[in-house]
Amino acid sequence: MTKTALITGASSGIGRGIAHKFGEEGWEVTLVARRKENLENVANEVKEAGGKVHIFATDLTVEGNPDKAVKYAIEKMGKIGTLVNNAGMGRFEMVPDIKDESYQEQFQLNVWACMAMVRSAVPHFKKNGGGQIVNIGSIVGYLGISKGSIYSSTKWALRGLNESWREELYPDNIKVCYIGPGFVLTEFNGRKEGGTPEEQEWAMVPGDVAHAVYCVATQGPNSDIKEISIQVLDRS
């Protein structure tokens, strides 16, 4: 097992939690996100936790930038063992209010950028005899929600990519897993990082998702985890 990981959307929330987990386990990670200052703060936290870290600030929705991110990670770490596609965003609108730009920006980041990252990483994985891809989706990749038709459809699309990649890439020892968490306390959709006191009573934290990602990244050589759906304990 190669203890190196490339993590997108790593400047806050779930991505930050994943970076922390890998750092605590002594991995070397490359963190990718748009906000450089936030990335630098997370990088310091990873170092303090015991990991080795590199940062690459970029917008993955711009053509060519996913290739640059993968190239940078390979140059810094020598090898990528695990790619975590975590970068994502959501906008929630009733059908009559859906804007073209809202549709475009969600699919560009939640679907196209993931595809571009995988497309860039696969030749590297094949050259090195395999690798692990983890796609962070959502519980709404399994069900539709009011006002979330576009966001939910991006996560269904990501699951479709995940299924296709699994079939295409397993002969090359490249494993692909979709992780669909429920409500997690992050700044997603304009929420306050860490959630409200009421939400803290029942919602999950980024570390819950990070635990699942780490389990996938460290699974045995003869297993292939397909999907992990994570619900909150209290569903009342």
Protein backbone atom coordinates (compact mmCIF):
# COMPACT_ATOMS: atom_id res chain seq x y z
CA MET A 1 0.00 0.00 0.00
CA THR A 2 1.34 3.38 -1.03
CA LYS A 3 0.68 5.88 1.76
CA THR A 4 0.20 8.91 -0.46
CA ALA A 5 -3.07 10.66 -1.29
CA LEU A 6 -4.31 13.50 -3.46
CA ILE A 7 -7.37 15.15 -1.90
CA THR A 8 -9.49 17.78 -3.65
CA GLY A 9 -11.74 20.26 -1.89
CA ALA A 10 -9.36 20.06 1.05
CA SER A 11 -9.55 23.61 2.37
CA SER A 12 -12.52 23.00 4.70
CA GLY A 13 -15.25 20.61 5.75
CA ILE A 14 -15.07 16.98 4.69
CA GLY A 15 -11.86 17.48 2.71
CA ARG A 16 -10.16 19.01 5.71
CA GLY A 17 -11.35 16.11 7.86
CA ILE A 18 -9.95 13.60 5.37
CA ALA A 19 -6.62 15.45 5.30
CA HIS A 20 -6.49 15.35 9.11
CA LYS A 21 -7.16 11.61 9.20
CA PHE A 22 -4.44 10.78 6.70
CA GLY A 23 -2.05 13.10 8.51
CA GLU A 24 -2.75 11.40 11.84
CA GLU A 25 -1.92 8.08 10.20
CA GLY A 26 1.43 9.42 8.93
CA TRP A 27 0.56 9.64 5.24
CA GLU A 28 1.96 12.09 2.70
CA VAL A 29 -0.82 14.13 1.09
CA THR A 30 -1.31 16.73 -1.60
CA LEU A 31 -4.20 19.07 -0.88
CA VAL A 32 -6.07 20.85 -3.67
CA ALA A 33 -8.62 23.66 -3.41
CA ARG A 34 -9.18 27.21 -4.59
CA ARG A 35 -8.51 29.06 -1.32
CA LYS A 36 -4.76 29.14 -0.77
CA GLU A 37 -4.85 30.67 2.69
CA ASN A 38 -7.27 28.01 3.91
CA LEU A 39 -5.11 25.30 2.33
CA GLU A 40 -2.08 26.63 4.17
CA ASN A 41 -3.96 26.47 7.47
CA VAL A 42 -5.04 22.89 6.82
CA ALA A 43 -1.49 21.99 5.77
CA ASN A 44 -0.18 23.23 9.11
CA GLU A 45 -2.76 21.12 10.91
CA VAL A 46 -1.76 18.04 8.92
CA LYS A 47 1.91 18.61 9.78
CA GLU A 48 1.05 18.95 13.46
CA ALA A 49 -0.89 15.68 13.24
CA GLY A 50 2.18 13.87 11.93
CA GLY A 51 1.73 13.89 8.16
CA LYS A 52 3.74 15.27 5.27
CA VAL A 53 1.85 17.73 3.10
CA HIS A 54 1.92 19.72 -0.13
CA ILE A 55 -0.67 22.22 -1.35
CA PHE A 56 -1.84 23.23 -4.81
CA ALA A 57 -4.30 26.12 -5.06
CA THR A 58 -6.36 25.96 -8.25
CA ASP A 59 -9.88 26.01 -9.68
CA LEU A 60 -10.59 22.49 -10.92
CA THR A 61 -13.43 23.67 -13.15
CA VAL A 62 -10.93 25.34 -15.49
CA GLU A 63 -9.77 23.12 -18.34
CA GLY A 64 -6.22 21.90 -17.81
CA ASN A 65 -6.10 22.52 -14.07
CA PRO A 66 -6.97 18.94 -13.05
CA ASP A 67 -4.01 17.76 -15.15
CA LYS A 68 -1.79 20.31 -13.43
CA ALA A 69 -2.96 19.17 -9.99
CA VAL A 70 -2.19 15.51 -10.72
CA LYS A 71 1.18 16.38 -12.25
CA TYR A 72 2.08 18.49 -9.21
CA ALA A 73 1.15 15.69 -6.81
CA ILE A 74 3.27 13.18 -8.71
CA GLU A 75 6.23 15.57 -8.77
CA LYS A 76 5.99 16.19 -5.02
CA MET A 77 5.13 12.71 -3.74
CA GLY A 78 6.60 10.50 -6.46
CA LYS A 79 3.46 8.40 -6.57
CA ILE A 80 -0.27 8.81 -5.91
CA GLY A 81 -1.70 5.86 -4.04
CA THR A 82 -5.20 7.24 -3.44
CA LEU A 83 -7.17 9.93 -5.26
CA VAL A 84 -10.02 11.45 -3.26
CA ASN A 85 -12.48 13.44 -5.39
CA ASN A 86 -14.11 15.55 -2.70
CA ALA A 87 -14.50 19.02 -4.27
CA GLY A 88 -18.14 19.86 -4.78
CA MET A 89 -20.87 22.46 -4.37
CA GLY A 90 -24.64 22.69 -4.30
CA ARG A 91 -27.38 25.17 -5.07
CA PHE A 92 -30.98 24.52 -4.10
CA GLU A 93 -33.82 26.02 -6.16
CA MET A 94 -37.39 25.23 -7.03
CA VAL A 95 -37.81 24.07 -10.64
CA PRO A 96 -39.15 27.40 -12.04
CA ASP A 97 -36.17 29.20 -10.45
CA ILE A 98 -33.35 27.00 -11.74
CA LYS A 99 -30.77 29.12 -13.53
CA ASP A 100 -28.64 27.90 -16.41
CA GLU A 101 -25.47 29.02 -14.64
CA SER A 102 -26.52 27.10 -11.51
CA TYR A 103 -26.89 23.93 -13.58
CA GLN A 104 -23.59 24.51 -15.36
CA GLU A 105 -21.45 25.29 -12.32
CA GLN A 106 -22.72 22.31 -10.32
CA PHE A 107 -22.12 19.83 -13.12
CA GLN A 108 -18.77 21.43 -13.94
CA LEU A 109 -17.39 20.90 -10.43
CA ASN A 110 -19.34 17.89 -9.14
CA VAL A 111 -19.09 15.79 -12.30
CA TRP A 112 -16.71 17.15 -14.95
CA ALA A 113 -13.88 18.00 -12.54
CA CYS A 114 -14.07 14.50 -11.00
CA MET A 115 -13.95 12.96 -14.46
CA ALA A 116 -10.98 15.15 -15.42
CA MET A 117 -9.08 14.21 -12.25
CA VAL A 118 -9.66 10.49 -12.88
CA ARG A 119 -8.79 10.80 -16.56
CA SER A 120 -5.48 12.41 -15.59
CA ALA A 121 -4.66 9.98 -12.77
CA VAL A 122 -5.50 6.69 -14.49
CA PRO A 123 -2.36 6.50 -16.70
CA HIS A 124 -0.27 7.04 -13.57
CA PHE A 125 -2.15 4.30 -11.69
CA LYS A 126 -1.74 1.89 -14.61
CA LYS A 127 1.98 2.60 -14.79
CA ASN A 128 2.35 1.85 -11.09
CA GLY A 129 0.26 -1.32 -11.02
CA GLY A 130 -2.92 0.05 -9.47
CA GLY A 131 -4.44 2.61 -7.15
CA GLN A 132 -7.54 3.66 -5.25
CA ILE A 133 -10.10 6.26 -6.33
CA VAL A 134 -12.65 7.55 -3.80
CA ASN A 135 -15.53 9.70 -5.06
CA ILE A 136 -17.30 11.68 -2.35
CA GLY A 137 -20.95 11.85 -3.31
CA SER A 138 -23.99 12.29 -1.10
CA ILE A 139 -26.95 10.41 0.24
CA VAL A 140 -28.94 12.35 -2.38
CA GLY A 141 -27.09 10.31 -4.98
CA TYR A 142 -29.60 7.60 -4.00
CA LEU A 143 -32.76 9.70 -3.64
CA GLY A 144 -34.22 12.94 -4.88
CA ILE A 145 -34.96 15.93 -2.67
CA SER A 146 -37.15 18.99 -3.07
CA LYS A 147 -35.23 22.00 -4.44
CA GLY A 148 -32.22 19.76 -5.03
CA SER A 149 -32.94 18.41 -8.51
CA ILE A 150 -29.69 19.69 -10.01
CA TYR A 151 -27.44 18.93 -7.04
CA SER A 152 -28.98 15.48 -6.60
CA SER A 153 -28.62 14.72 -10.31
CA THR A 154 -24.90 15.56 -10.16
CA LYS A 155 -24.45 12.97 -7.44
CA TRP A 156 -26.44 10.40 -9.41
CA ALA A 157 -24.18 11.18 -12.37
CA LEU A 158 -21.10 10.71 -10.20
CA ARG A 159 -22.42 7.31 -9.10
CA GLY A 160 -22.86 6.42 -12.78
CA LEU A 161 -19.26 7.37 -13.46
CA ASN A 162 -18.20 5.37 -10.40
CA GLU A 163 -20.02 2.26 -11.68
CA SER A 164 -18.50 2.56 -15.15
CA TRP A 165 -15.00 3.21 -13.88
CA ARG A 166 -15.21 0.18 -11.60
CA GLU A 167 -15.94 -2.09 -14.54
CA GLU A 168 -13.38 -0.51 -16.82
CA LEU A 169 -10.47 -0.17 -14.39
CA TYR A 170 -10.54 -3.24 -12.15
CA PRO A 171 -8.46 -5.34 -14.59
CA ASP A 172 -5.68 -2.80 -13.98
CA ASN A 173 -6.00 -3.18 -10.18
CA ILE A 174 -7.55 0.30 -9.92
CA LYS A 175 -10.30 0.28 -7.32
CA VAL A 176 -13.13 2.82 -7.34
CA CYS A 177 -15.51 3.59 -4.47
CA TYR A 178 -18.45 5.98 -4.02
CA ILE A 179 -19.08 7.34 -0.52
CA GLY A 180 -22.49 8.93 0.08
CA PRO A 181 -22.79 10.69 3.44
CA GLY A 182 -25.91 12.21 4.89
CA PHE A 183 -25.95 15.50 6.80
CA VAL A 184 -22.44 16.55 7.83
CA LEU A 185 -21.53 19.69 9.80
CA THR A 186 -19.65 21.78 7.23
CA GLU A 187 -19.96 25.20 5.58
CA PHE A 188 -21.67 23.55 2.59
CA ASN A 189 -24.47 25.63 1.01
CA GLY A 190 -23.59 28.67 3.10
CA ARG A 191 -23.94 26.98 6.46
CA LYS A 192 -21.72 27.87 9.38
CA GLU A 193 -18.67 25.61 9.77
CA GLY A 194 -19.37 23.36 12.73
CA GLY A 195 -23.14 23.79 12.54
CA THR A 196 -25.62 25.22 15.03
CA PRO A 197 -25.91 23.90 18.61
CA GLU A 198 -29.10 22.09 17.59
CA GLU A 199 -27.41 20.42 14.60
CA GLN A 200 -24.48 19.38 16.74
CA GLU A 201 -26.88 17.23 18.76
CA TRP A 202 -27.58 14.85 15.86
CA ALA A 203 -25.52 15.52 12.71
CA MET A 204 -22.29 13.87 11.60
CA VAL A 205 -18.89 15.55 11.58
CA PRO A 206 -16.24 15.45 8.81
CA GLY A 207 -14.28 12.88 10.79
CA ASP A 208 -17.09 10.36 10.29
CA VAL A 209 -16.66 10.55 6.53
CA ALA A 210 -12.87 10.63 6.83
CA HIS A 211 -12.99 7.35 8.77
CA ALA A 212 -14.85 5.69 5.89
CA VAL A 213 -12.41 7.08 3.33
CA TYR A 214 -9.45 5.79 5.30
CA CYS A 215 -11.03 2.34 5.58
CA VAL A 216 -11.38 2.24 1.80
CA ALA A 217 -7.82 3.45 1.24
CA THR A 218 -6.39 0.80 3.55
CA GLN A 219 -8.54 -2.17 2.54
CA GLY A 220 -6.96 -5.52 1.80
CA PRO A 221 -5.50 -6.42 -1.59
CA ASN A 222 -8.28 -8.89 -2.45
CA SER A 223 -11.26 -6.73 -1.48
CA ASP A 224 -12.92 -4.00 -3.52
CA ILE A 225 -15.32 -1.75 -1.63
CA LYS A 226 -17.96 -0.52 -4.06
CA GLU A 227 -20.02 1.98 -2.08
CA ILE A 228 -20.46 3.25 1.46
CA SER A 229 -23.68 5.00 2.42
CA ILE A 230 -23.43 6.86 5.74
CA GLN A 231 -26.55 7.94 7.58
CA VAL A 232 -26.93 9.91 10.80
CA LEU A 233 -27.72 7.74 13.79
CA ASP A 234 -30.81 9.72 14.85
CA ARG A 235 -33.20 9.73 11.88
CA SER A 236 -36.21 10.96 13.84
